Protein backbone atom coordinates (compact mmCIF):
# COMPACT_ATOMS: atom_id res chain seq x y z
CA UNK A 1 0.00 0.00 0.00
CA UNK A 2 2.80 2.36 0.99
CA UNK A 3 4.61 1.62 -2.29
CA UNK A 4 1.51 2.65 -4.24
CA UNK A 5 1.25 5.88 -2.24
CA UNK A 6 4.93 6.67 -2.80
CA UNK A 7 4.58 5.88 -6.50
CA UNK A 8 1.55 8.14 -6.83
CA UNK A 9 3.32 10.91 -4.93
CA UNK A 10 6.36 10.53 -7.19
CA UNK A 11 4.20 10.76 -10.29
CA UNK A 12 2.45 13.88 -8.98
CA UNK A 13 5.77 15.47 -8.04
CA UNK A 14 7.26 14.68 -11.44
CA UNK A 15 4.19 16.08 -13.19
CA UNK A 16 4.38 19.24 -11.08
CA UNK A 17 8.08 19.69 -11.88
CA UNK A 18 7.47 19.12 -15.57
CA UNK A 19 4.60 21.61 -15.58
CA UNK A 20 6.66 24.21 -13.69
CA UNK A 21 9.54 23.67 -16.08
CA UNK A 22 7.24 24.10 -19.06
CA UNK A 23 5.77 27.29 -17.61
CA UNK A 24 9.25 28.68 -17.00
CA UNK A 25 10.38 27.74 -20.52
CA UNK A 26 7.25 29.32 -22.02
CA UNK A 27 7.77 32.55 -20.07
CA UNK A 28 11.34 33.02 -21.24
CA UNK A 29 10.54 31.78 -24.74
CA UNK A 30 7.81 34.40 -25.00
CA UNK A 31 10.27 36.92 -23.62
CA UNK A 32 12.78 36.13 -26.37
CA UNK A 33 10.05 36.38 -28.99
CA UNK A 34 8.93 39.72 -27.58
CA UNK A 35 12.48 41.10 -27.59
CA UNK A 36 13.09 39.88 -31.14
CA UNK A 37 9.84 41.58 -32.09
CA UNK A 38 10.97 44.92 -30.63
CA UNK A 39 14.44 44.52 -32.13
CA UNK A 40 12.72 44.33 -35.51
CA UNK A 41 10.83 47.53 -34.75
CA UNK A 42 13.99 49.32 -33.61
CA UNK A 43 15.73 48.41 -36.87
CA UNK A 44 13.13 50.44 -38.76
CA UNK A 45 14.14 53.70 -37.08
CA UNK A 46 16.25 55.90 -39.33
CA UNK A 47 18.86 57.92 -37.44
CA UNK A 48 21.20 60.21 -39.41
CA UNK A 49 24.95 60.32 -38.60
CA UNK A 50 24.44 63.84 -37.24
CA UNK A 51 21.15 65.27 -36.01
CA UNK A 52 20.53 68.54 -37.81
CA UNK A 53 17.86 71.22 -37.18
CA UNK A 54 16.12 69.97 -40.33
CA UNK A 55 15.82 66.44 -38.97
CA UNK A 56 12.29 65.85 -37.70
CA UNK A 57 10.57 63.29 -35.52
CA UNK A 58 8.50 62.21 -38.50
CA UNK A 59 11.65 61.50 -40.54
CA UNK A 60 13.02 59.36 -37.72
CA UNK A 61 9.90 57.49 -36.66
CA UNK A 62 7.52 58.15 -39.55
CA UNK A 63 7.49 54.59 -40.84
CA UNK A 64 6.42 53.28 -37.43
CA UNK A 65 3.80 56.01 -37.00
CA UNK A 66 2.31 54.86 -40.29
CA UNK A 67 2.30 51.19 -39.24
CA UNK A 68 0.41 51.90 -36.03
CA UNK A 69 -1.26 55.30 -35.45
CA UNK A 70 -1.52 54.47 -31.72
CA UNK A 71 2.21 55.08 -31.42
CA UNK A 72 2.81 58.57 -30.03
CA UNK A 73 6.54 58.39 -29.38
CA UNK A 74 9.66 56.49 -28.42
CA UNK A 75 11.41 56.10 -25.05
CA UNK A 76 15.12 55.35 -24.67
CA UNK A 77 17.48 55.23 -21.69
CA UNK A 78 21.13 54.87 -22.67
CA UNK A 79 22.86 51.93 -21.01
CA UNK A 80 19.62 50.01 -20.32
CA UNK A 81 17.17 47.76 -22.18
CA UNK A 82 14.60 50.57 -22.26
CA UNK A 83 14.32 51.25 -25.99
CA UNK A 84 10.67 50.98 -27.03
CA UNK A 85 7.79 52.62 -28.86
CA UNK A 86 5.23 54.31 -26.62
CA UNK A 87 1.51 53.98 -27.30
CA UNK A 88 -1.69 55.77 -26.30
CA UNK A 89 -5.35 54.80 -26.72
CA UNK A 90 -7.52 57.37 -24.89
CA UNK A 91 -10.76 55.46 -25.50
CA UNK A 92 -9.21 52.18 -24.25
CA UNK A 93 -6.72 53.30 -21.55
CA UNK A 94 -5.01 49.95 -20.88
CA UNK A 95 -5.21 48.51 -24.39
CA UNK A 96 -1.44 47.87 -24.64
CA UNK A 97 -1.12 46.38 -21.18
CA UNK A 98 -1.31 42.92 -22.77
CA UNK A 99 -0.81 43.63 -26.48
CA UNK A 100 2.25 44.09 -28.66
CA UNK A 101 2.87 46.69 -31.36
CA UNK A 102 0.84 44.62 -33.85
CA UNK A 103 -2.09 44.55 -31.37
CA UNK A 104 -1.65 40.83 -30.74
CA UNK A 105 -1.79 39.33 -27.23
CA UNK A 106 1.46 39.63 -25.30
CA UNK A 107 2.26 39.41 -21.58
CA UNK A 108 4.99 42.00 -22.16
CA UNK A 109 2.66 44.60 -23.64
CA UNK A 110 4.09 47.93 -24.84
CA UNK A 111 4.83 51.04 -22.74
CA UNK A 112 1.85 53.37 -22.95
CA UNK A 113 0.84 56.86 -21.86
CA UNK A 114 -2.01 57.62 -19.48
CA UNK A 115 -5.22 58.32 -21.41
CA UNK A 116 -5.57 61.72 -19.71
CA UNK A 117 -2.23 63.05 -20.98
CA UNK A 118 -1.84 65.27 -24.03
CA UNK A 119 1.20 65.15 -26.29
CA UNK A 120 0.61 68.31 -28.35
CA UNK A 121 0.22 70.67 -26.61
CA UNK A 122 2.11 68.74 -23.96
CA UNK A 123 0.54 68.11 -20.56
CA UNK A 124 2.45 69.35 -17.52
CA UNK A 125 3.19 65.75 -16.58
CA UNK A 126 3.18 62.80 -18.97
CA UNK A 127 2.79 59.43 -17.23
CA UNK A 128 4.15 56.33 -19.00
CA UNK A 129 3.40 52.80 -17.77
CA UNK A 130 5.45 49.69 -18.51
CA UNK A 131 5.77 46.15 -17.14
CA UNK A 132 8.55 45.03 -14.81
CA UNK A 133 9.35 41.74 -16.54
CA UNK A 134 11.49 39.04 -14.91
CA UNK A 135 13.43 38.56 -18.15
CA UNK A 136 14.83 42.10 -17.87
CA UNK A 137 12.72 43.61 -20.64
CA UNK A 138 10.26 46.50 -20.75
CA UNK A 139 10.55 48.79 -17.67
CA UNK A 140 12.37 46.29 -15.43
CA UNK A 141 15.55 48.40 -15.75
CA UNK A 142 13.82 51.17 -13.79
CA UNK A 143 14.29 49.09 -10.64
CA UNK A 144 17.98 49.97 -10.93
CA UNK A 145 17.12 53.54 -10.01
CA UNK A 146 16.67 52.42 -6.41
CA UNK A 147 20.46 52.65 -6.34
CA UNK A 148 21.96 56.14 -6.42
CA UNK A 149 24.94 54.89 -8.41
CA UNK A 150 22.61 53.67 -11.16
CA UNK A 151 20.95 57.09 -11.30
CA UNK A 152 24.34 58.81 -11.59
CA UNK A 153 25.18 56.54 -14.52
CA UNK A 154 21.77 57.01 -16.18
CA UNK A 155 20.49 60.51 -15.36
CA UNK A 156 18.96 61.24 -18.78
CA UNK A 157 15.83 59.77 -20.38
CA UNK A 158 15.06 60.29 -24.06
CA UNK A 159 11.36 60.59 -24.79
CA UNK A 160 10.53 61.66 -28.32
CA UNK A 161 6.91 62.25 -29.29
CA UNK A 162 5.04 63.23 -32.43
CA UNK A 163 5.44 66.82 -31.23
CA UNK A 164 9.25 66.73 -31.15
CA UNK A 165 12.43 65.32 -29.63
CA UNK A 166 12.78 65.38 -25.85
CA UNK A 167 15.50 64.89 -23.23
CA UNK A 168 14.57 64.59 -19.55
CA UNK A 169 16.72 64.72 -16.43
CA UNK A 170 15.77 62.48 -13.49
CA UNK A 171 14.57 64.53 -10.51
CA UNK A 172 13.43 61.88 -8.04
CA UNK A 173 12.85 58.13 -7.68
CA UNK A 174 10.40 56.58 -5.24
CA UNK A 175 8.25 53.56 -4.46
CA UNK A 176 4.71 53.79 -3.14
CA UNK A 177 1.15 52.50 -3.24
CA UNK A 178 -1.48 54.59 -4.97
CA UNK A 179 -3.42 54.73 -1.71
CA UNK A 180 -0.45 56.49 -0.11
CA UNK A 181 0.35 58.80 -3.01
CA UNK A 182 -1.97 58.89 -6.07
CA UNK A 183 0.81 60.22 -8.33
CA UNK A 184 -1.13 59.24 -11.43
CA UNK A 185 -3.71 61.96 -10.76
CA UNK A 186 -1.16 64.78 -11.18
CA UNK A 187 -1.18 65.52 -14.91
CA UNK A 188 -2.05 69.18 -15.48
CA UNK A 189 -1.28 71.29 -12.42
CA UNK A 190 -3.90 73.85 -11.44
CA UNK A 191 -1.29 76.19 -10.00
CA UNK A 192 2.19 76.39 -8.52
CA UNK A 193 0.94 75.05 -5.18
CA UNK A 194 -0.24 71.78 -6.77
CA UNK A 195 3.06 71.48 -8.68
CA UNK A 196 5.03 71.89 -5.47
CA UNK A 197 2.76 69.40 -3.72
CA UNK A 198 3.55 66.77 -6.35
CA UNK A 199 7.31 67.34 -6.02
CA UNK A 200 7.11 67.42 -2.22
CA UNK A 201 5.33 64.06 -2.08
CA UNK A 202 7.71 62.59 -4.67
CA UNK A 203 10.67 63.57 -2.51
CA UNK A 204 8.97 62.38 0.69
CA UNK A 205 8.86 58.82 -0.71
CA UNK A 206 12.19 59.05 -2.56
CA UNK A 207 15.13 56.68 -2.15
CA UNK A 208 17.69 59.50 -2.17
CA UNK A 209 18.20 63.17 -2.97
CA UNK A 210 19.37 63.75 -6.54
CA UNK A 211 19.92 67.44 -5.95
CA UNK A 212 18.06 68.09 -9.23
CA UNK A 213 15.30 70.68 -8.89
CA UNK A 214 12.26 71.52 -10.98
CA UNK A 215 10.28 74.74 -11.20
CA UNK A 216 6.65 75.48 -11.92
CA UNK A 217 6.31 75.54 -15.69
CA UNK A 218 8.79 72.70 -16.29
CA UNK A 219 7.39 69.77 -18.26
CA UNK A 220 7.61 66.50 -16.32
CA UNK A 221 7.84 62.85 -17.35
CA UNK A 222 6.76 60.15 -14.89
CA UNK A 223 7.66 56.51 -15.57
CA UNK A 224 5.78 53.85 -13.60
CA UNK A 225 6.29 50.10 -13.17
CA UNK A 226 5.54 47.36 -10.62
CA UNK A 227 7.69 47.13 -7.48
CA UNK A 228 7.52 44.84 -4.43
CA UNK A 229 4.50 43.03 -5.82
CA UNK A 230 1.35 44.23 -7.53
CA UNK A 231 0.40 46.85 -4.93
CA UNK A 232 3.60 48.92 -5.07
CA UNK A 233 4.90 51.05 -7.91
CA UNK A 234 8.45 52.14 -8.69
CA UNK A 235 8.24 55.67 -10.08
CA UNK A 236 10.86 57.82 -11.82
CA UNK A 237 10.12 61.53 -12.24
CA UNK A 238 12.15 63.61 -14.70
CA UNK A 239 12.00 67.15 -16.08
CA UNK A 240 12.39 68.24 -19.67
CA UNK A 241 15.68 69.98 -20.49
C-alpha atoms as a PDB file:
ATOM      1  CA  UNK A   1       0.000   0.000   0.000  1.00  0.00           C
ATOM      2  CA  UNK A   2       2.800   2.361   0.988  1.00  0.00           C
ATOM      3  CA  UNK A   3       4.611   1.619  -2.289  1.00  0.00           C
ATOM      4  CA  UNK A   4       1.514   2.652  -4.242  1.00  0.00           C
ATOM      5  CA  UNK A   5       1.247   5.885  -2.236  1.00  0.00           C
ATOM      6  CA  UNK A   6       4.930   6.666  -2.800  1.00  0.00           C
ATOM      7  CA  UNK A   7       4.582   5.884  -6.497  1.00  0.00           C
ATOM      8  CA  UNK A   8       1.547   8.142  -6.826  1.00  0.00           C
ATOM      9  CA  UNK A   9       3.322  10.906  -4.930  1.00  0.00           C
ATOM     10  CA  UNK A  10       6.363  10.534  -7.186  1.00  0.00           C
ATOM     11  CA  UNK A  11       4.197  10.758 -10.285  1.00  0.00           C
ATOM     12  CA  UNK A  12       2.452  13.883  -8.983  1.00  0.00           C
ATOM     13  CA  UNK A  13       5.768  15.474  -8.036  1.00  0.00           C
ATOM     14  CA  UNK A  14       7.258  14.677 -11.441  1.00  0.00           C
ATOM     15  CA  UNK A  15       4.190  16.081 -13.186  1.00  0.00           C
ATOM     16  CA  UNK A  16       4.384  19.236 -11.076  1.00  0.00           C
ATOM     17  CA  UNK A  17       8.076  19.688 -11.876  1.00  0.00           C
ATOM     18  CA  UNK A  18       7.474  19.120 -15.574  1.00  0.00           C
ATOM     19  CA  UNK A  19       4.605  21.609 -15.578  1.00  0.00           C
ATOM     20  CA  UNK A  20       6.659  24.209 -13.693  1.00  0.00           C
ATOM     21  CA  UNK A  21       9.544  23.674 -16.076  1.00  0.00           C
ATOM     22  CA  UNK A  22       7.241  24.100 -19.058  1.00  0.00           C
ATOM     23  CA  UNK A  23       5.765  27.294 -17.606  1.00  0.00           C
ATOM     24  CA  UNK A  24       9.247  28.684 -17.003  1.00  0.00           C
ATOM     25  CA  UNK A  25      10.375  27.743 -20.522  1.00  0.00           C
ATOM     26  CA  UNK A  26       7.247  29.317 -22.018  1.00  0.00           C
ATOM     27  CA  UNK A  27       7.771  32.549 -20.069  1.00  0.00           C
ATOM     28  CA  UNK A  28      11.345  33.015 -21.244  1.00  0.00           C
ATOM     29  CA  UNK A  29      10.544  31.778 -24.745  1.00  0.00           C
ATOM     30  CA  UNK A  30       7.809  34.403 -25.000  1.00  0.00           C
ATOM     31  CA  UNK A  31      10.272  36.923 -23.622  1.00  0.00           C
ATOM     32  CA  UNK A  32      12.780  36.134 -26.374  1.00  0.00           C
ATOM     33  CA  UNK A  33      10.053  36.378 -28.991  1.00  0.00           C
ATOM     34  CA  UNK A  34       8.934  39.723 -27.579  1.00  0.00           C
ATOM     35  CA  UNK A  35      12.479  41.102 -27.590  1.00  0.00           C
ATOM     36  CA  UNK A  36      13.087  39.884 -31.136  1.00  0.00           C
ATOM     37  CA  UNK A  37       9.839  41.582 -32.090  1.00  0.00           C
ATOM     38  CA  UNK A  38      10.973  44.918 -30.632  1.00  0.00           C
ATOM     39  CA  UNK A  39      14.435  44.516 -32.134  1.00  0.00           C
ATOM     40  CA  UNK A  40      12.723  44.333 -35.514  1.00  0.00           C
ATOM     41  CA  UNK A  41      10.826  47.532 -34.752  1.00  0.00           C
ATOM     42  CA  UNK A  42      13.994  49.320 -33.611  1.00  0.00           C
ATOM     43  CA  UNK A  43      15.733  48.414 -36.868  1.00  0.00           C
ATOM     44  CA  UNK A  44      13.128  50.444 -38.755  1.00  0.00           C
ATOM     45  CA  UNK A  45      14.144  53.699 -37.075  1.00  0.00           C
ATOM     46  CA  UNK A  46      16.246  55.902 -39.334  1.00  0.00           C
ATOM     47  CA  UNK A  47      18.856  57.920 -37.439  1.00  0.00           C
ATOM     48  CA  UNK A  48      21.195  60.208 -39.405  1.00  0.00           C
ATOM     49  CA  UNK A  49      24.947  60.324 -38.595  1.00  0.00           C
ATOM     50  CA  UNK A  50      24.440  63.840 -37.238  1.00  0.00           C
ATOM     51  CA  UNK A  51      21.155  65.268 -36.010  1.00  0.00           C
ATOM     52  CA  UNK A  52      20.530  68.545 -37.809  1.00  0.00           C
ATOM     53  CA  UNK A  53      17.859  71.217 -37.184  1.00  0.00           C
ATOM     54  CA  UNK A  54      16.120  69.972 -40.334  1.00  0.00           C
ATOM     55  CA  UNK A  55      15.824  66.444 -38.974  1.00  0.00           C
ATOM     56  CA  UNK A  56      12.289  65.850 -37.704  1.00  0.00           C
ATOM     57  CA  UNK A  57      10.571  63.293 -35.523  1.00  0.00           C
ATOM     58  CA  UNK A  58       8.500  62.212 -38.504  1.00  0.00           C
ATOM     59  CA  UNK A  59      11.651  61.502 -40.535  1.00  0.00           C
ATOM     60  CA  UNK A  60      13.024  59.363 -37.722  1.00  0.00           C
ATOM     61  CA  UNK A  61       9.898  57.494 -36.658  1.00  0.00           C
ATOM     62  CA  UNK A  62       7.515  58.150 -39.552  1.00  0.00           C
ATOM     63  CA  UNK A  63       7.490  54.587 -40.844  1.00  0.00           C
ATOM     64  CA  UNK A  64       6.419  53.281 -37.429  1.00  0.00           C
ATOM     65  CA  UNK A  65       3.798  56.014 -37.001  1.00  0.00           C
ATOM     66  CA  UNK A  66       2.306  54.860 -40.295  1.00  0.00           C
ATOM     67  CA  UNK A  67       2.304  51.194 -39.240  1.00  0.00           C
ATOM     68  CA  UNK A  68       0.409  51.897 -36.031  1.00  0.00           C
ATOM     69  CA  UNK A  69      -1.256  55.304 -35.450  1.00  0.00           C
ATOM     70  CA  UNK A  70      -1.525  54.469 -31.721  1.00  0.00           C
ATOM     71  CA  UNK A  71       2.215  55.077 -31.417  1.00  0.00           C
ATOM     72  CA  UNK A  72       2.806  58.569 -30.025  1.00  0.00           C
ATOM     73  CA  UNK A  73       6.541  58.391 -29.378  1.00  0.00           C
ATOM     74  CA  UNK A  74       9.662  56.493 -28.416  1.00  0.00           C
ATOM     75  CA  UNK A  75      11.412  56.097 -25.047  1.00  0.00           C
ATOM     76  CA  UNK A  76      15.120  55.355 -24.668  1.00  0.00           C
ATOM     77  CA  UNK A  77      17.477  55.233 -21.685  1.00  0.00           C
ATOM     78  CA  UNK A  78      21.133  54.872 -22.673  1.00  0.00           C
ATOM     79  CA  UNK A  79      22.858  51.925 -21.006  1.00  0.00           C
ATOM     80  CA  UNK A  80      19.623  50.008 -20.322  1.00  0.00           C
ATOM     81  CA  UNK A  81      17.172  47.764 -22.178  1.00  0.00           C
ATOM     82  CA  UNK A  82      14.600  50.566 -22.263  1.00  0.00           C
ATOM     83  CA  UNK A  83      14.315  51.249 -25.993  1.00  0.00           C
ATOM     84  CA  UNK A  84      10.670  50.977 -27.029  1.00  0.00           C
ATOM     85  CA  UNK A  85       7.790  52.617 -28.855  1.00  0.00           C
ATOM     86  CA  UNK A  86       5.229  54.307 -26.622  1.00  0.00           C
ATOM     87  CA  UNK A  87       1.514  53.978 -27.301  1.00  0.00           C
ATOM     88  CA  UNK A  88      -1.694  55.767 -26.300  1.00  0.00           C
ATOM     89  CA  UNK A  89      -5.348  54.801 -26.723  1.00  0.00           C
ATOM     90  CA  UNK A  90      -7.523  57.371 -24.893  1.00  0.00           C
ATOM     91  CA  UNK A  91     -10.764  55.458 -25.499  1.00  0.00           C
ATOM     92  CA  UNK A  92      -9.213  52.182 -24.255  1.00  0.00           C
ATOM     93  CA  UNK A  93      -6.722  53.302 -21.550  1.00  0.00           C
ATOM     94  CA  UNK A  94      -5.009  49.946 -20.884  1.00  0.00           C
ATOM     95  CA  UNK A  95      -5.207  48.512 -24.389  1.00  0.00           C
ATOM     96  CA  UNK A  96      -1.440  47.865 -24.639  1.00  0.00           C
ATOM     97  CA  UNK A  97      -1.121  46.378 -21.179  1.00  0.00           C
ATOM     98  CA  UNK A  98      -1.313  42.924 -22.772  1.00  0.00           C
ATOM     99  CA  UNK A  99      -0.809  43.630 -26.483  1.00  0.00           C
ATOM    100  CA  UNK A 100       2.247  44.093 -28.665  1.00  0.00           C
ATOM    101  CA  UNK A 101       2.873  46.687 -31.360  1.00  0.00           C
ATOM    102  CA  UNK A 102       0.836  44.625 -33.846  1.00  0.00           C
ATOM    103  CA  UNK A 103      -2.086  44.549 -31.372  1.00  0.00           C
ATOM    104  CA  UNK A 104      -1.650  40.829 -30.738  1.00  0.00           C
ATOM    105  CA  UNK A 105      -1.795  39.329 -27.234  1.00  0.00           C
ATOM    106  CA  UNK A 106       1.462  39.626 -25.296  1.00  0.00           C
ATOM    107  CA  UNK A 107       2.265  39.411 -21.584  1.00  0.00           C
ATOM    108  CA  UNK A 108       4.988  42.001 -22.164  1.00  0.00           C
ATOM    109  CA  UNK A 109       2.662  44.599 -23.637  1.00  0.00           C
ATOM    110  CA  UNK A 110       4.087  47.927 -24.836  1.00  0.00           C
ATOM    111  CA  UNK A 111       4.829  51.042 -22.739  1.00  0.00           C
ATOM    112  CA  UNK A 112       1.855  53.370 -22.948  1.00  0.00           C
ATOM    113  CA  UNK A 113       0.837  56.861 -21.862  1.00  0.00           C
ATOM    114  CA  UNK A 114      -2.013  57.619 -19.482  1.00  0.00           C
ATOM    115  CA  UNK A 115      -5.220  58.318 -21.411  1.00  0.00           C
ATOM    116  CA  UNK A 116      -5.574  61.722 -19.713  1.00  0.00           C
ATOM    117  CA  UNK A 117      -2.232  63.055 -20.982  1.00  0.00           C
ATOM    118  CA  UNK A 118      -1.838  65.272 -24.027  1.00  0.00           C
ATOM    119  CA  UNK A 119       1.202  65.154 -26.290  1.00  0.00           C
ATOM    120  CA  UNK A 120       0.612  68.308 -28.346  1.00  0.00           C
ATOM    121  CA  UNK A 121       0.220  70.671 -26.611  1.00  0.00           C
ATOM    122  CA  UNK A 122       2.105  68.737 -23.962  1.00  0.00           C
ATOM    123  CA  UNK A 123       0.539  68.115 -20.564  1.00  0.00           C
ATOM    124  CA  UNK A 124       2.449  69.348 -17.521  1.00  0.00           C
ATOM    125  CA  UNK A 125       3.191  65.753 -16.576  1.00  0.00           C
ATOM    126  CA  UNK A 126       3.183  62.795 -18.967  1.00  0.00           C
ATOM    127  CA  UNK A 127       2.795  59.426 -17.235  1.00  0.00           C
ATOM    128  CA  UNK A 128       4.150  56.332 -19.004  1.00  0.00           C
ATOM    129  CA  UNK A 129       3.397  52.803 -17.769  1.00  0.00           C
ATOM    130  CA  UNK A 130       5.451  49.691 -18.510  1.00  0.00           C
ATOM    131  CA  UNK A 131       5.766  46.148 -17.142  1.00  0.00           C
ATOM    132  CA  UNK A 132       8.552  45.035 -14.808  1.00  0.00           C
ATOM    133  CA  UNK A 133       9.352  41.738 -16.545  1.00  0.00           C
ATOM    134  CA  UNK A 134      11.488  39.038 -14.908  1.00  0.00           C
ATOM    135  CA  UNK A 135      13.426  38.559 -18.149  1.00  0.00           C
ATOM    136  CA  UNK A 136      14.827  42.098 -17.866  1.00  0.00           C
ATOM    137  CA  UNK A 137      12.721  43.615 -20.636  1.00  0.00           C
ATOM    138  CA  UNK A 138      10.258  46.505 -20.753  1.00  0.00           C
ATOM    139  CA  UNK A 139      10.551  48.789 -17.672  1.00  0.00           C
ATOM    140  CA  UNK A 140      12.369  46.286 -15.432  1.00  0.00           C
ATOM    141  CA  UNK A 141      15.545  48.400 -15.750  1.00  0.00           C
ATOM    142  CA  UNK A 142      13.825  51.174 -13.793  1.00  0.00           C
ATOM    143  CA  UNK A 143      14.292  49.091 -10.639  1.00  0.00           C
ATOM    144  CA  UNK A 144      17.976  49.968 -10.932  1.00  0.00           C
ATOM    145  CA  UNK A 145      17.117  53.545 -10.010  1.00  0.00           C
ATOM    146  CA  UNK A 146      16.674  52.424  -6.411  1.00  0.00           C
ATOM    147  CA  UNK A 147      20.459  52.650  -6.344  1.00  0.00           C
ATOM    148  CA  UNK A 148      21.961  56.144  -6.420  1.00  0.00           C
ATOM    149  CA  UNK A 149      24.936  54.892  -8.415  1.00  0.00           C
ATOM    150  CA  UNK A 150      22.613  53.673 -11.157  1.00  0.00           C
ATOM    151  CA  UNK A 151      20.953  57.086 -11.303  1.00  0.00           C
ATOM    152  CA  UNK A 152      24.344  58.815 -11.593  1.00  0.00           C
ATOM    153  CA  UNK A 153      25.184  56.536 -14.524  1.00  0.00           C
ATOM    154  CA  UNK A 154      21.772  57.005 -16.183  1.00  0.00           C
ATOM    155  CA  UNK A 155      20.492  60.513 -15.361  1.00  0.00           C
ATOM    156  CA  UNK A 156      18.955  61.240 -18.781  1.00  0.00           C
ATOM    157  CA  UNK A 157      15.826  59.771 -20.381  1.00  0.00           C
ATOM    158  CA  UNK A 158      15.057  60.288 -24.064  1.00  0.00           C
ATOM    159  CA  UNK A 159      11.362  60.587 -24.794  1.00  0.00           C
ATOM    160  CA  UNK A 160      10.533  61.663 -28.323  1.00  0.00           C
ATOM    161  CA  UNK A 161       6.906  62.248 -29.294  1.00  0.00           C
ATOM    162  CA  UNK A 162       5.041  63.225 -32.430  1.00  0.00           C
ATOM    163  CA  UNK A 163       5.436  66.822 -31.229  1.00  0.00           C
ATOM    164  CA  UNK A 164       9.250  66.730 -31.149  1.00  0.00           C
ATOM    165  CA  UNK A 165      12.430  65.320 -29.626  1.00  0.00           C
ATOM    166  CA  UNK A 166      12.783  65.376 -25.847  1.00  0.00           C
ATOM    167  CA  UNK A 167      15.498  64.894 -23.231  1.00  0.00           C
ATOM    168  CA  UNK A 168      14.565  64.592 -19.549  1.00  0.00           C
ATOM    169  CA  UNK A 169      16.718  64.718 -16.429  1.00  0.00           C
ATOM    170  CA  UNK A 170      15.773  62.485 -13.490  1.00  0.00           C
ATOM    171  CA  UNK A 171      14.566  64.529 -10.513  1.00  0.00           C
ATOM    172  CA  UNK A 172      13.425  61.883  -8.043  1.00  0.00           C
ATOM    173  CA  UNK A 173      12.845  58.129  -7.679  1.00  0.00           C
ATOM    174  CA  UNK A 174      10.403  56.582  -5.244  1.00  0.00           C
ATOM    175  CA  UNK A 175       8.253  53.564  -4.456  1.00  0.00           C
ATOM    176  CA  UNK A 176       4.709  53.786  -3.143  1.00  0.00           C
ATOM    177  CA  UNK A 177       1.151  52.499  -3.240  1.00  0.00           C
ATOM    178  CA  UNK A 178      -1.476  54.595  -4.975  1.00  0.00           C
ATOM    179  CA  UNK A 179      -3.424  54.727  -1.714  1.00  0.00           C
ATOM    180  CA  UNK A 180      -0.452  56.491  -0.113  1.00  0.00           C
ATOM    181  CA  UNK A 181       0.349  58.796  -3.009  1.00  0.00           C
ATOM    182  CA  UNK A 182      -1.972  58.892  -6.073  1.00  0.00           C
ATOM    183  CA  UNK A 183       0.805  60.222  -8.326  1.00  0.00           C
ATOM    184  CA  UNK A 184      -1.129  59.238 -11.433  1.00  0.00           C
ATOM    185  CA  UNK A 185      -3.708  61.965 -10.759  1.00  0.00           C
ATOM    186  CA  UNK A 186      -1.164  64.784 -11.184  1.00  0.00           C
ATOM    187  CA  UNK A 187      -1.183  65.519 -14.909  1.00  0.00           C
ATOM    188  CA  UNK A 188      -2.048  69.177 -15.475  1.00  0.00           C
ATOM    189  CA  UNK A 189      -1.282  71.291 -12.421  1.00  0.00           C
ATOM    190  CA  UNK A 190      -3.904  73.849 -11.445  1.00  0.00           C
ATOM    191  CA  UNK A 191      -1.290  76.188  -9.998  1.00  0.00           C
ATOM    192  CA  UNK A 192       2.194  76.392  -8.516  1.00  0.00           C
ATOM    193  CA  UNK A 193       0.941  75.047  -5.181  1.00  0.00           C
ATOM    194  CA  UNK A 194      -0.237  71.783  -6.774  1.00  0.00           C
ATOM    195  CA  UNK A 195       3.057  71.477  -8.684  1.00  0.00           C
ATOM    196  CA  UNK A 196       5.034  71.891  -5.466  1.00  0.00           C
ATOM    197  CA  UNK A 197       2.765  69.396  -3.717  1.00  0.00           C
ATOM    198  CA  UNK A 198       3.553  66.766  -6.346  1.00  0.00           C
ATOM    199  CA  UNK A 199       7.306  67.335  -6.021  1.00  0.00           C
ATOM    200  CA  UNK A 200       7.108  67.420  -2.224  1.00  0.00           C
ATOM    201  CA  UNK A 201       5.329  64.060  -2.077  1.00  0.00           C
ATOM    202  CA  UNK A 202       7.709  62.592  -4.672  1.00  0.00           C
ATOM    203  CA  UNK A 203      10.673  63.570  -2.509  1.00  0.00           C
ATOM    204  CA  UNK A 204       8.972  62.377   0.686  1.00  0.00           C
ATOM    205  CA  UNK A 205       8.861  58.821  -0.709  1.00  0.00           C
ATOM    206  CA  UNK A 206      12.190  59.048  -2.565  1.00  0.00           C
ATOM    207  CA  UNK A 207      15.126  56.683  -2.155  1.00  0.00           C
ATOM    208  CA  UNK A 208      17.685  59.503  -2.172  1.00  0.00           C
ATOM    209  CA  UNK A 209      18.204  63.167  -2.969  1.00  0.00           C
ATOM    210  CA  UNK A 210      19.374  63.748  -6.537  1.00  0.00           C
ATOM    211  CA  UNK A 211      19.920  67.444  -5.955  1.00  0.00           C
ATOM    212  CA  UNK A 212      18.065  68.093  -9.226  1.00  0.00           C
ATOM    213  CA  UNK A 213      15.303  70.676  -8.886  1.00  0.00           C
ATOM    214  CA  UNK A 214      12.259  71.515 -10.983  1.00  0.00           C
ATOM    215  CA  UNK A 215      10.281  74.740 -11.195  1.00  0.00           C
ATOM    216  CA  UNK A 216       6.648  75.478 -11.916  1.00  0.00           C
ATOM    217  CA  UNK A 217       6.313  75.542 -15.688  1.00  0.00           C
ATOM    218  CA  UNK A 218       8.786  72.703 -16.290  1.00  0.00           C
ATOM    219  CA  UNK A 219       7.395  69.767 -18.260  1.00  0.00           C
ATOM    220  CA  UNK A 220       7.608  66.497 -16.324  1.00  0.00           C
ATOM    221  CA  UNK A 221       7.841  62.854 -17.346  1.00  0.00           C
ATOM    222  CA  UNK A 222       6.762  60.149 -14.892  1.00  0.00           C
ATOM    223  CA  UNK A 223       7.657  56.507 -15.570  1.00  0.00           C
ATOM    224  CA  UNK A 224       5.784  53.849 -13.600  1.00  0.00           C
ATOM    225  CA  UNK A 225       6.288  50.096 -13.171  1.00  0.00           C
ATOM    226  CA  UNK A 226       5.538  47.357 -10.618  1.00  0.00           C
ATOM    227  CA  UNK A 227       7.688  47.132  -7.480  1.00  0.00           C
ATOM    228  CA  UNK A 228       7.518  44.837  -4.430  1.00  0.00           C
ATOM    229  CA  UNK A 229       4.495  43.030  -5.822  1.00  0.00           C
ATOM    230  CA  UNK A 230       1.348  44.229  -7.534  1.00  0.00           C
ATOM    231  CA  UNK A 231       0.404  46.846  -4.930  1.00  0.00           C
ATOM    232  CA  UNK A 232       3.600  48.919  -5.066  1.00  0.00           C
ATOM    233  CA  UNK A 233       4.901  51.051  -7.914  1.00  0.00           C
ATOM    234  CA  UNK A 234       8.454  52.138  -8.691  1.00  0.00           C
ATOM    235  CA  UNK A 235       8.241  55.669 -10.078  1.00  0.00           C
ATOM    236  CA  UNK A 236      10.856  57.815 -11.822  1.00  0.00           C
ATOM    237  CA  UNK A 237      10.117  61.528 -12.241  1.00  0.00           C
ATOM    238  CA  UNK A 238      12.151  63.607 -14.695  1.00  0.00           C
ATOM    239  CA  UNK A 239      12.000  67.148 -16.078  1.00  0.00           C
ATOM    240  CA  UNK A 240      12.389  68.243 -19.668  1.00  0.00           C
ATOM    241  CA  UNK A 241      15.683  69.980 -20.486  1.00  0.00           C
END
